Amino acid sequence: MASDEEEEEYGYFYDDDDAEEDASAGLEQAAAPPPERRADYWAITQESLPTAQKEDLSTVMNLLNVKQHQARALLIHHRWRMDGVYDRLDKGRERMLRDAGIVLQENNIMAAAGSTMPWRIMHCNVCFEDIPMGVVLTMDCGHCFCNDCWTQHFYAAVESGKKQIRCMEVKCPAFCDEDHVRRLLGRKYPEMAKRFNRFLLESYLEDNDSVKWCPSAPNCGRAIRVGTGERYCEVECPCSLSFCFNCMAHAHSPCPCTIWEKWNAKRTEGENIKWILANTKSCPKCFKAIEKNGGCNLVRCNCGQCMCWLCGGGTGLDHTWTSIAGHSCNRYKEETRGKTADSSREQMQRYKHYYDRFKIHGDSYGVEKQKLGPTLLERVRLLEADLKRPLTIRDGDWLIRAHRRLLVSRQVLSRSYAFAYYMFGGELRTRPCGRAGLAVARNLFEDQQEQLEQHVERLSELLAGADAAAMPEAEIVQAKQKAVTLVKTVERLCGEMYKCIQDELLTLLVEPMTIAAYRPDGPDKAEELTA
């Protein structure tokens, strides 16, 4: 039976008779799979790229009754954002197409009639030759030139790296039909036709706000596509790298991208600052750091100020090896810092406070992932192999789920200290009307941070000692119940901290910032898109 202290610590109460029933019910509820849904995140490879592109092209072609090259031009114009297409559609189909430089063939008699009268003679305004209509190509805009001139025009455009080729007519905004480009280039310059096809595929990656390359090193060769409008999100590529889709850095929520970039730039100073604080003292006059590498306890700064190395106080120059004239510091005295306090050292002390906690939780994450993870997997294997136990007892998935929540919450804690260093350090500009609410929001955030820290350590302790394969059945049930309770508490506290940061703290800043939504299992996993 759980002791009163355990009940108070973990925040639950239960009787021995109902313990197994309650634990099983709680675990079944926690283990219930989420309802199946279409994935919002897809991993695109070179093989599946045409499939991914064709999905969006087909949607626009069917929606607007346009050709493929017109649908592509419209999507590139809107950076492949379907919501942008729908928004502009409200203002009318014709106007939307015209703004994107798209001309429909149905509006041009010459373009529609070109293929029905091949015997007609037409004058090419590029080479100035009279050419039969059978070897003349007319674009949707109605402008027509001979095939040889079009071919050279396409060749020059592709060679210069263009993926969208406009009509040769001066100031004509219409885009050429990509089927015509392939056909004419394929006859005379087949390699250039292949290059053009590659440009069209790559446009889906280069001109698409919803698709970015995975930043793994070495690169895994996948591009990740997210849902429309999901700029501030974190994704896990099938190569196992988790990254922020907005800034392409490693996943860093609940820290906004701007603050995370500042923290990473400053983090290289961490060890230097710790060494300075441990091995130097500040001059009481100019506040520069001084290192003592020998001699007596009287030290003279380059500015001329003498100081006692023991207490750091200013002194005169008159001294012996054992004493300094008019100075004694063996008695402890309470001191009040005045306007001349060493603010630079205080800033270093403040940074050390946040950096130490950031690093401690980061190191704990590494140990819990590299050492505790394999240990738990082995314990689960041994537990499930013990056929003498009931099936509900042999199920060790609760250990794996609790370990996953532990890793995620440990990262949340670590990054929360990077956020707090800048949020409460005066470096970020706050709105004049929000300064009064900053202290209240800070107290709320730090209370949540403290509670989360306590429960994460309890969950870590529980999992480290949960050798389920060697436990009696009653102890396994109790360990399960404790794990379920702690996991739910940790999830709640993480969610509340994210909400406090986004709704209470970031709204006080002059520069708008946003963080990715909290995910109890970590960043959403991108699924492989099959060709």
Protein backbone atom coordinates (compact mmCIF):
# COMPACT_ATOMS: atom_id res chain seq x y z
CA MET A 1 0.00 0.00 0.00
CA ALA A 2 1.28 3.49 -0.81
CA SER A 3 2.43 5.53 2.18
CA ASP A 4 0.80 8.83 3.12
CA GLU A 5 3.96 10.65 2.02
CA GLU A 6 3.84 9.02 -1.41
CA GLU A 7 0.14 9.87 -1.76
CA GLU A 8 0.81 13.50 -0.90
CA GLU A 9 3.88 13.71 -3.17
CA TYR A 10 2.28 12.29 -6.31
CA GLY A 11 -1.16 13.76 -5.71
CA TYR A 12 -3.43 10.67 -5.80
CA PHE A 13 -5.18 8.32 -3.33
CA TYR A 14 -6.44 4.79 -3.89
CA ASP A 15 -7.28 1.63 -1.97
CA ASP A 16 -5.40 -1.63 -2.37
CA ASP A 17 -8.55 -3.46 -3.50
CA ASP A 18 -9.18 -1.05 -6.37
CA ALA A 19 -5.54 -0.31 -7.22
CA GLU A 20 -5.17 -2.75 -10.10
CA GLU A 21 -8.56 -1.81 -11.61
CA ASP A 22 -7.84 1.94 -11.40
CA ALA A 23 -4.34 1.58 -12.84
CA SER A 24 -5.55 -0.54 -15.74
CA ALA A 25 -8.33 1.92 -16.54
CA GLY A 26 -5.97 4.87 -16.34
CA LEU A 27 -3.42 3.23 -18.58
CA GLU A 28 -6.00 2.18 -21.14
CA GLN A 29 -7.21 5.76 -21.28
CA ALA A 30 -3.65 7.10 -21.59
CA ALA A 31 -2.79 4.49 -24.24
CA ALA A 32 -5.89 5.05 -26.35
CA PRO A 33 -4.66 5.89 -29.85
CA PRO A 34 -5.70 9.24 -31.28
CA PRO A 35 -8.32 9.17 -34.05
CA GLU A 36 -6.80 8.48 -37.44
CA ARG A 37 -6.37 11.54 -39.62
CA ARG A 38 -4.61 12.47 -42.80
CA ALA A 39 -1.06 13.49 -42.05
CA ASP A 40 -0.37 17.23 -42.12
CA TYR A 41 3.35 16.73 -42.69
CA TRP A 42 4.89 14.86 -45.61
CA ALA A 43 8.46 13.93 -46.45
CA ILE A 44 9.11 14.32 -50.16
CA THR A 45 11.96 12.58 -51.97
CA GLN A 46 13.18 12.98 -55.55
CA GLU A 47 10.99 10.01 -56.53
CA SER A 48 7.82 11.32 -54.89
CA LEU A 49 8.30 14.96 -55.93
CA PRO A 50 6.20 14.65 -59.15
CA THR A 51 3.37 13.10 -57.11
CA ALA A 52 3.41 15.92 -54.57
CA GLN A 53 3.41 18.56 -57.29
CA LYS A 54 0.68 16.87 -59.29
CA GLU A 55 -1.70 16.92 -56.30
CA ASP A 56 -1.70 20.72 -56.11
CA LEU A 57 -1.69 21.18 -59.88
CA SER A 58 -4.70 18.90 -60.31
CA THR A 59 -6.61 20.75 -57.61
CA VAL A 60 -6.15 24.11 -59.35
CA MET A 61 -6.76 22.70 -62.84
CA ASN A 62 -10.09 21.21 -61.78
CA LEU A 63 -11.05 24.24 -59.71
CA LEU A 64 -10.44 26.84 -62.44
CA ASN A 65 -10.63 24.72 -65.60
CA VAL A 66 -7.17 25.77 -66.78
CA LYS A 67 -4.19 23.99 -68.34
CA GLN A 68 -1.32 22.57 -66.33
CA HIS A 69 1.15 25.35 -67.18
CA GLN A 70 -1.45 27.95 -66.24
CA ALA A 71 -2.12 26.21 -62.93
CA ARG A 72 1.62 26.08 -62.27
CA ALA A 73 2.05 29.78 -63.07
CA LEU A 74 -0.80 30.65 -60.71
CA LEU A 75 0.60 28.52 -57.89
CA ILE A 76 4.12 29.91 -58.31
CA HIS A 77 2.62 33.41 -58.25
CA HIS A 78 1.04 32.54 -54.88
CA ARG A 79 4.12 30.57 -53.74
CA TRP A 80 2.11 27.34 -53.92
CA ARG A 81 -0.24 28.51 -51.15
CA MET A 82 -3.71 27.14 -51.85
CA ASP A 83 -5.23 29.51 -49.31
CA GLY A 84 -3.85 32.41 -51.38
CA VAL A 85 -5.57 31.03 -54.47
CA TYR A 86 -8.89 30.68 -52.66
CA ASP A 87 -8.62 34.20 -51.22
CA ARG A 88 -8.00 35.75 -54.66
CA LEU A 89 -10.76 33.66 -56.22
CA ASP A 90 -13.29 35.66 -54.24
CA LYS A 91 -12.41 38.67 -56.43
CA GLY A 92 -13.18 36.79 -59.64
CA ARG A 93 -11.53 34.12 -61.78
CA GLU A 94 -10.61 36.41 -64.69
CA ARG A 95 -8.99 39.04 -62.50
CA MET A 96 -7.03 36.47 -60.52
CA LEU A 97 -5.61 34.88 -63.68
CA ARG A 98 -4.82 38.25 -65.23
CA ASP A 99 -2.91 39.40 -62.12
CA ALA A 100 -0.79 36.24 -62.36
CA GLY A 101 0.05 36.89 -66.04
CA ILE A 102 -2.17 34.09 -67.32
CA VAL A 103 -4.02 34.46 -70.64
CA LEU A 104 -6.64 31.91 -71.62
CA GLN A 105 -6.63 30.56 -75.17
CA GLU A 106 -10.42 30.78 -75.37
CA ASN A 107 -10.08 34.56 -75.46
CA ASN A 108 -7.83 34.57 -78.54
CA ILE A 109 -9.22 33.76 -81.97
CA MET A 110 -5.76 33.51 -83.53
CA ALA A 111 -4.55 30.99 -80.96
CA ALA A 112 -7.67 28.87 -81.32
CA ALA A 113 -7.63 28.90 -85.11
CA GLY A 114 -3.91 28.30 -85.65
CA SER A 115 -4.19 24.53 -85.85
CA THR A 116 -7.21 24.55 -88.19
CA MET A 117 -5.61 26.49 -91.08
CA PRO A 118 -2.10 25.04 -91.65
CA TRP A 119 -1.97 26.23 -95.28
CA ARG A 120 -2.00 29.89 -94.38
CA ILE A 121 1.25 31.86 -94.71
CA MET A 122 2.34 33.93 -91.76
CA HIS A 123 5.19 36.46 -91.38
CA CYS A 124 7.52 35.82 -88.40
CA ASN A 125 8.48 39.11 -86.76
CA VAL A 126 11.69 37.65 -85.30
CA CYS A 127 13.44 36.12 -88.34
CA PHE A 128 11.34 38.17 -90.87
CA GLU A 129 10.56 35.08 -92.97
CA ASP A 130 7.20 34.05 -94.44
CA ILE A 131 6.36 30.74 -92.82
CA PRO A 132 3.45 28.30 -93.37
CA MET A 133 1.14 28.08 -90.35
CA GLY A 134 1.96 24.39 -90.07
CA VAL A 135 5.44 25.23 -88.72
CA VAL A 136 4.29 28.20 -86.66
CA LEU A 137 3.49 28.03 -82.96
CA THR A 138 0.80 30.23 -81.46
CA MET A 139 0.65 30.74 -77.70
CA ASP A 140 -2.45 31.29 -75.57
CA CYS A 141 -1.99 35.05 -75.88
CA GLY A 142 -2.39 34.85 -79.68
CA HIS A 143 1.19 35.79 -80.59
CA CYS A 144 2.76 33.46 -83.12
CA PHE A 145 6.31 32.94 -84.36
CA CYS A 146 8.05 30.23 -86.32
CA ASN A 147 9.15 27.05 -84.52
CA ASP A 148 12.85 27.77 -85.03
CA CYS A 149 12.59 31.15 -83.32
CA TRP A 150 10.54 29.71 -80.48
CA THR A 151 13.11 26.91 -80.04
CA GLN A 152 16.00 29.35 -79.74
CA HIS A 153 13.96 31.51 -77.35
CA PHE A 154 13.24 28.50 -75.13
CA TYR A 155 16.87 27.41 -75.25
CA ALA A 156 18.15 30.82 -74.13
CA ALA A 157 15.56 31.03 -71.34
CA VAL A 158 16.34 27.57 -69.92
CA GLU A 159 20.07 28.15 -70.21
CA SER A 160 19.68 31.28 -68.07
CA GLY A 161 17.83 29.24 -65.40
CA LYS A 162 14.25 30.34 -66.03
CA LYS A 163 11.50 27.92 -65.09
CA GLN A 164 8.71 30.15 -66.40
CA ILE A 165 9.18 31.37 -69.98
CA ARG A 166 7.18 34.34 -71.20
CA CYS A 167 6.03 35.04 -74.75
CA MET A 168 8.57 36.60 -77.16
CA GLU A 169 6.27 39.50 -77.99
CA VAL A 170 7.45 42.75 -76.42
CA LYS A 171 5.74 43.45 -73.08
CA CYS A 172 3.52 40.38 -73.37
CA PRO A 173 3.04 38.93 -69.82
CA ALA A 174 1.70 35.53 -70.94
CA PHE A 175 3.57 32.34 -70.04
CA CYS A 176 4.39 29.78 -72.70
CA ASP A 177 2.75 26.37 -72.58
CA GLU A 178 5.31 24.01 -71.03
CA ASP A 179 4.18 21.19 -73.33
CA HIS A 180 5.24 23.30 -76.33
CA VAL A 181 8.57 24.05 -74.64
CA ARG A 182 9.25 20.34 -74.06
CA ARG A 183 8.22 19.38 -77.58
CA LEU A 184 10.35 21.93 -79.43
CA LEU A 185 13.40 21.59 -77.15
CA GLY A 186 13.13 17.81 -77.29
CA ARG A 187 13.52 17.84 -81.08
CA LYS A 188 16.73 19.86 -81.23
CA TYR A 189 18.08 20.07 -77.65
CA PRO A 190 16.95 16.97 -75.69
CA GLU A 191 19.31 17.65 -72.76
CA MET A 192 17.91 21.15 -72.41
CA ALA A 193 14.40 19.68 -72.38
CA LYS A 194 15.38 17.43 -69.47
CA ARG A 195 16.84 20.43 -67.70
CA PHE A 196 13.58 22.32 -68.18
CA ASN A 197 11.63 19.41 -66.68
CA ARG A 198 13.96 19.44 -63.67
CA PHE A 199 13.39 23.18 -63.24
CA LEU A 200 9.62 22.63 -63.18
CA LEU A 201 9.94 20.00 -60.46
CA GLU A 202 12.35 22.07 -58.41
CA SER A 203 10.00 25.05 -58.54
CA TYR A 204 7.75 23.12 -56.17
CA LEU A 205 10.53 23.23 -53.60
CA GLU A 206 12.16 26.58 -54.32
CA ASP A 207 9.02 28.70 -54.75
CA ASN A 208 6.86 26.98 -52.12
CA ASP A 209 6.40 28.52 -48.67
CA SER A 210 5.02 25.20 -47.37
CA VAL A 211 8.00 23.05 -48.43
CA LYS A 212 11.57 23.20 -47.14
CA TRP A 213 14.58 20.93 -47.31
CA CYS A 214 15.41 18.94 -44.20
CA PRO A 215 18.45 20.70 -42.63
CA SER A 216 20.17 17.44 -41.64
CA ALA A 217 23.90 17.18 -42.17
CA PRO A 218 24.77 15.25 -44.24
CA ASN A 219 21.52 16.01 -46.02
CA CYS A 220 19.06 13.13 -46.13
CA GLY A 221 17.64 14.31 -49.47
CA ARG A 222 14.10 14.88 -48.20
CA ALA A 223 11.95 17.98 -48.33
CA ILE A 224 9.22 18.47 -45.72
CA ARG A 225 5.78 19.78 -46.65
CA VAL A 226 3.55 21.21 -43.93
CA GLY A 227 -0.07 22.27 -43.94
CA THR A 228 -1.04 25.62 -45.44
CA GLY A 229 -0.34 28.47 -43.03
CA GLU A 230 1.64 26.32 -40.58
CA ARG A 231 4.74 28.48 -40.47
CA TYR A 232 5.43 28.20 -36.74
CA CYS A 233 5.62 24.46 -36.26
CA GLU A 234 8.17 21.79 -35.46
CA VAL A 235 8.54 18.66 -37.57
CA GLU A 236 10.46 15.41 -37.25
CA CYS A 237 11.85 14.18 -40.55
CA PRO A 238 11.95 10.39 -41.18
CA CYS A 239 15.74 10.74 -40.77
CA SER A 240 14.94 11.48 -37.05
CA LEU A 241 15.98 15.15 -37.12
CA SER A 242 13.50 17.50 -35.43
CA PHE A 243 13.61 21.10 -36.61
CA CYS A 244 11.70 24.37 -36.54
CA PHE A 245 10.01 24.93 -39.89
CA ASN A 246 10.21 28.71 -39.53
CA CYS A 247 13.93 29.25 -38.82
CA MET A 248 15.25 25.77 -39.82
CA ALA A 249 17.17 25.44 -36.54
CA HIS A 250 16.84 22.40 -34.31
CA ALA A 251 13.48 22.27 -32.50
CA HIS A 252 13.54 24.90 -29.74
CA SER A 253 10.02 25.51 -28.41
CA PRO A 254 8.90 27.04 -26.08
CA CYS A 255 11.62 29.54 -27.06
CA PRO A 256 10.74 31.84 -30.02
CA CYS A 257 13.03 31.79 -33.05
CA THR A 258 14.45 35.28 -32.44
CA ILE A 259 15.35 34.54 -28.82
CA TRP A 260 16.77 31.11 -29.70
CA GLU A 261 19.05 32.69 -32.29
CA LYS A 262 20.30 35.19 -29.68
CA TRP A 263 20.82 32.41 -27.13
CA ASN A 264 22.84 30.25 -29.53
CA ALA A 265 25.05 33.20 -30.42
CA LYS A 266 25.70 33.87 -26.74
CA ARG A 267 25.95 30.25 -25.63
CA THR A 268 29.52 29.98 -26.92
CA GLU A 269 30.44 32.42 -24.16
CA GLY A 270 29.12 30.14 -21.42
CA GLU A 271 32.35 28.40 -20.45
CA ASN A 272 34.35 31.64 -20.76
CA ILE A 273 31.99 33.41 -18.37
CA LYS A 274 32.20 30.58 -15.84
CA TRP A 275 36.01 30.74 -15.96
CA ILE A 276 36.02 34.54 -15.52
CA LEU A 277 33.72 34.32 -12.51
CA ALA A 278 35.80 31.56 -10.92
CA ASN A 279 39.30 32.96 -11.58
CA THR A 280 39.05 36.74 -11.70
CA LYS A 281 37.85 39.66 -9.62
CA SER A 282 36.70 43.08 -10.75
CA CYS A 283 38.65 46.25 -10.18
CA PRO A 284 36.61 48.42 -7.75
CA LYS A 285 37.30 51.49 -9.91
CA CYS A 286 37.07 50.51 -13.59
CA PHE A 287 35.39 47.09 -13.04
CA LYS A 288 37.70 45.28 -15.47
CA ALA A 289 38.37 41.61 -14.69
CA ILE A 290 41.74 40.95 -13.04
CA GLU A 291 43.50 37.59 -12.86
CA LYS A 292 46.06 36.98 -10.11
CA ASN A 293 48.82 34.52 -10.98
CA GLY A 294 51.16 35.01 -8.01
CA GLY A 295 52.54 37.46 -5.46
CA CYS A 296 50.96 38.96 -2.36
CA ASN A 297 47.30 39.86 -1.81
CA LEU A 298 47.68 43.47 -2.96
CA VAL A 299 46.88 43.75 -6.66
CA ARG A 300 47.23 46.85 -8.80
CA CYS A 301 44.98 47.34 -11.83
CA ASN A 302 46.17 48.95 -15.07
CA CYS A 303 44.02 51.96 -14.21
CA GLY A 304 46.22 52.51 -11.10
CA GLN A 305 43.71 51.37 -8.48
CA CYS A 306 45.03 49.04 -5.78
CA MET A 307 42.79 46.35 -4.30
CA CYS A 308 42.82 43.50 -1.81
CA TRP A 309 42.60 40.16 -3.58
CA LEU A 310 40.87 38.52 -0.62
CA CYS A 311 37.82 40.81 -0.50
CA GLY A 312 38.08 42.80 -3.71
CA GLY A 313 37.97 46.11 -1.86
CA GLY A 314 39.95 49.20 -2.86
CA THR A 315 43.12 49.97 -0.86
CA GLY A 316 46.20 52.19 -0.86
CA LEU A 317 49.57 51.18 -2.22
CA ASP A 318 51.38 50.94 1.16
CA HIS A 319 51.63 47.25 2.13
CA THR A 320 53.84 44.37 3.21
CA TRP A 321 53.72 40.72 2.17
CA THR A 322 51.35 39.94 5.05
CA SER A 323 49.23 43.10 5.41
CA ILE A 324 47.93 46.22 3.69
CA ALA A 325 48.15 49.53 5.52
CA GLY A 326 44.77 50.72 6.82
CA HIS A 327 42.90 47.70 5.53
CA SER A 328 41.39 44.70 7.30
CA CYS A 329 38.85 42.26 5.84
CA ASN A 330 38.82 39.24 8.13
CA ARG A 331 35.40 40.22 9.57
CA TYR A 332 32.31 39.59 7.46
CA LYS A 333 30.32 42.73 6.75
CA GLU A 334 26.92 43.11 5.14
CA GLU A 335 27.34 45.40 2.13
CA THR A 336 24.77 47.34 0.18
CA ARG A 337 25.50 47.75 -3.49
CA GLY A 338 25.42 51.33 -4.69
CA LYS A 339 25.44 52.98 -8.05
CA THR A 340 29.05 51.92 -8.59
CA ALA A 341 28.23 48.21 -8.39
CA ASP A 342 29.96 46.01 -10.95
CA SER A 343 27.03 45.58 -13.34
CA SER A 344 29.07 43.56 -15.84
CA ARG A 345 29.86 40.91 -13.23
CA GLU A 346 26.25 40.88 -12.14
CA GLN A 347 25.22 40.25 -15.73
CA MET A 348 27.70 37.39 -15.94
CA GLN A 349 26.31 35.94 -12.70
CA ARG A 350 22.80 36.23 -14.10
CA TYR A 351 23.77 34.54 -17.35
CA LYS A 352 25.53 31.75 -15.41
CA HIS A 353 22.32 31.15 -13.44
CA TYR A 354 20.27 30.51 -16.57
CA TYR A 355 23.05 28.81 -18.55
CA ASP A 356 23.79 26.31 -15.75
CA ARG A 357 20.15 25.24 -15.57
CA PHE A 358 19.85 25.11 -19.35
CA LYS A 359 22.90 22.86 -19.51
CA ILE A 360 21.95 20.68 -16.52
CA HIS A 361 18.59 19.77 -18.03
CA GLY A 362 20.21 19.33 -21.43
CA ASP A 363 22.77 16.93 -19.95
CA SER A 364 20.01 15.07 -18.10
CA TYR A 365 18.15 14.69 -21.39
CA GLY A 366 21.26 13.13 -22.93
CA VAL A 367 21.67 10.63 -20.07
CA GLU A 368 17.98 9.74 -20.01
CA LYS A 369 17.96 9.18 -23.76
CA GLN A 370 21.26 7.33 -24.19
CA LYS A 371 21.33 5.29 -20.98
CA LEU A 372 17.87 5.16 -19.41
CA GLY A 373 16.13 4.53 -22.75
CA PRO A 374 17.94 1.26 -23.62
CA THR A 375 17.62 0.15 -19.97
CA LEU A 376 13.85 0.60 -20.06
CA LEU A 377 13.59 -1.25 -23.38
CA GLU A 378 15.43 -4.22 -21.86
CA ARG A 379 13.18 -4.16 -18.77
CA VAL A 380 10.08 -4.13 -20.96
CA ARG A 381 11.44 -7.06 -22.98
CA LEU A 382 12.04 -9.11 -19.83
CA LEU A 383 8.63 -8.20 -18.43
CA GLU A 384 6.78 -9.20 -21.59
CA ALA A 385 8.76 -12.45 -21.78
CA ASP A 386 7.51 -13.56 -18.31
CA LEU A 387 4.53 -15.67 -19.41
CA LYS A 388 3.66 -16.56 -15.81
CA ARG A 389 2.27 -13.08 -15.23
CA PRO A 390 -1.18 -11.89 -16.39
CA LEU A 391 -1.29 -10.13 -19.75
CA THR A 392 -2.22 -6.76 -18.20
CA ILE A 393 0.86 -6.95 -15.97
CA ARG A 394 3.20 -8.00 -18.81
CA ASP A 395 2.28 -4.96 -20.90
CA GLY A 396 5.25 -2.61 -20.48
CA ASP A 397 4.28 0.06 -23.00
CA TRP A 398 3.54 2.43 -20.12
CA LEU A 399 7.27 2.63 -19.42
CA ILE A 400 8.05 3.57 -23.03
CA ARG A 401 5.31 6.21 -23.15
CA ALA A 402 6.37 7.72 -19.83
CA HIS A 403 9.99 7.82 -21.00
CA ARG A 404 8.98 9.67 -24.18
CA ARG A 405 7.09 12.27 -22.12
CA LEU A 406 10.11 12.61 -19.83
CA LEU A 407 12.42 13.41 -22.75
CA VAL A 408 10.04 15.99 -24.22
CA SER A 409 9.43 17.73 -20.90
CA ARG A 410 13.15 17.74 -20.13
CA GLN A 411 13.79 19.63 -23.38
CA VAL A 412 10.95 22.04 -22.60
CA LEU A 413 12.55 22.79 -19.24
CA SER A 414 16.00 23.32 -20.70
CA ARG A 415 14.80 25.73 -23.39
CA SER A 416 12.55 27.60 -20.96
CA TYR A 417 15.67 28.95 -19.22
CA ALA A 418 16.99 30.32 -22.51
CA PHE A 419 13.64 32.07 -22.98
CA ALA A 420 13.61 33.43 -19.41
CA TYR A 421 17.13 34.87 -19.71
CA TYR A 422 16.09 37.25 -22.49
CA MET A 423 12.45 37.75 -21.53
CA PHE A 424 13.26 39.04 -18.06
CA GLY A 425 16.65 40.61 -18.76
CA GLY A 426 15.48 43.92 -20.17
CA GLU A 427 16.97 43.30 -23.62
CA LEU A 428 13.57 42.91 -25.32
CA ARG A 429 11.43 46.00 -25.73
CA THR A 430 8.04 45.76 -24.03
CA ARG A 431 4.96 47.82 -24.74
CA PRO A 432 4.52 50.75 -22.33
CA CYS A 433 1.10 49.45 -21.34
CA GLY A 434 2.49 45.96 -20.68
CA ARG A 435 5.30 46.73 -18.24
CA ALA A 436 3.01 46.55 -15.22
CA GLY A 437 1.79 43.09 -16.24
CA LEU A 438 5.31 41.73 -16.81
CA ALA A 439 5.96 41.11 -13.11
CA VAL A 440 2.66 39.23 -12.70
CA ALA A 441 3.27 37.13 -15.81
CA ARG A 442 6.84 36.43 -14.70
CA ASN A 443 5.67 35.10 -11.33
CA LEU A 444 3.17 32.85 -13.07
CA PHE A 445 5.81 31.55 -15.50
CA GLU A 446 8.41 30.88 -12.81
CA ASP A 447 5.87 29.10 -10.61
CA GLN A 448 4.95 26.83 -13.52
CA GLN A 449 8.62 26.28 -14.30
CA GLU A 450 9.36 25.32 -10.70
CA GLN A 451 6.44 22.88 -10.50
CA LEU A 452 7.37 21.32 -13.84
CA GLU A 453 10.96 20.91 -12.68
CA GLN A 454 9.86 19.07 -9.54
CA HIS A 455 7.53 16.67 -11.34
CA VAL A 456 10.03 15.97 -14.12
CA GLU A 457 12.62 14.96 -11.52
CA ARG A 458 10.06 12.72 -9.82
CA LEU A 459 9.20 11.06 -13.12
CA SER A 460 12.90 10.56 -13.86
CA GLU A 461 13.44 9.01 -10.43
CA LEU A 462 10.44 6.73 -10.86
CA LEU A 463 11.54 5.43 -14.26
CA ALA A 464 15.14 4.94 -13.15
CA GLY A 465 14.01 2.72 -10.29
CA ALA A 466 11.16 0.95 -12.11
CA ASP A 467 12.71 -2.49 -12.68
CA ALA A 468 9.31 -3.93 -13.53
CA ALA A 469 10.62 -7.38 -14.44
CA ALA A 470 11.85 -7.88 -10.85
CA MET A 471 8.81 -6.31 -9.11
CA PRO A 472 5.89 -8.13 -7.53
CA GLU A 473 2.62 -7.58 -9.36
CA ALA A 474 1.22 -5.23 -6.71
CA GLU A 475 4.28 -2.95 -7.00
CA ILE A 476 4.00 -2.93 -10.81
CA VAL A 477 0.40 -1.72 -10.52
CA GLN A 478 1.45 1.04 -8.10
CA ALA A 479 4.35 2.07 -10.36
CA LYS A 480 1.99 2.21 -13.33
CA GLN A 481 -0.43 4.44 -11.46
CA LYS A 482 2.34 6.77 -10.33
CA ALA A 483 3.69 6.99 -13.87
CA VAL A 484 0.26 7.76 -15.34
CA THR A 485 -0.38 10.46 -12.74
CA LEU A 486 3.03 12.07 -13.20
CA VAL A 487 2.78 11.99 -16.99
CA LYS A 488 -0.61 13.72 -16.92
CA THR A 489 0.72 16.34 -14.49
CA VAL A 490 3.82 16.99 -16.58
CA GLU A 491 1.72 17.33 -19.76
CA ARG A 492 -0.61 19.78 -18.02
CA LEU A 493 2.24 21.90 -16.68
CA CYS A 494 4.00 21.99 -20.06
CA GLY A 495 0.78 23.04 -21.77
CA GLU A 496 0.18 25.78 -19.19
CA MET A 497 3.75 27.07 -19.59
CA TYR A 498 3.36 27.27 -23.38
CA LYS A 499 0.07 29.12 -22.93
CA CYS A 500 1.64 31.54 -20.44
CA ILE A 501 4.53 32.28 -22.82
CA GLN A 502 2.35 32.79 -25.89
CA ASP A 503 -0.65 34.54 -24.33
CA GLU A 504 0.79 36.35 -21.30
CA LEU A 505 4.45 37.15 -22.03
CA LEU A 506 5.03 37.42 -25.78
CA THR A 507 2.01 39.70 -26.15
CA LEU A 508 3.84 42.27 -23.99
CA LEU A 509 6.68 42.66 -26.51
CA VAL A 510 6.91 45.33 -29.18
CA GLU A 511 8.33 42.82 -31.68
CA PRO A 512 5.70 40.14 -32.32
CA MET A 513 6.87 36.58 -31.65
CA THR A 514 5.20 33.18 -31.86
CA ILE A 515 6.13 29.72 -30.64
CA ALA A 516 5.21 26.30 -31.98
CA ALA A 517 2.27 24.58 -30.29
CA TYR A 518 3.02 22.13 -27.47
CA ARG A 519 3.10 18.48 -28.52
CA PRO A 520 3.30 15.95 -25.62
CA ASP A 521 5.09 13.44 -27.88
CA GLY A 522 7.44 16.03 -29.36
CA PRO A 523 7.42 17.41 -32.92
CA ASP A 524 4.93 15.88 -35.35
CA LYS A 525 6.43 13.16 -37.51
CA ALA A 526 6.40 13.64 -41.27
CA GLU A 527 5.21 10.65 -43.28
CA GLU A 528 6.95 9.47 -46.41
CA LEU A 529 4.98 10.46 -49.52
CA THR A 530 4.93 7.50 -51.88
CA ALA A 531 5.43 8.01 -55.58
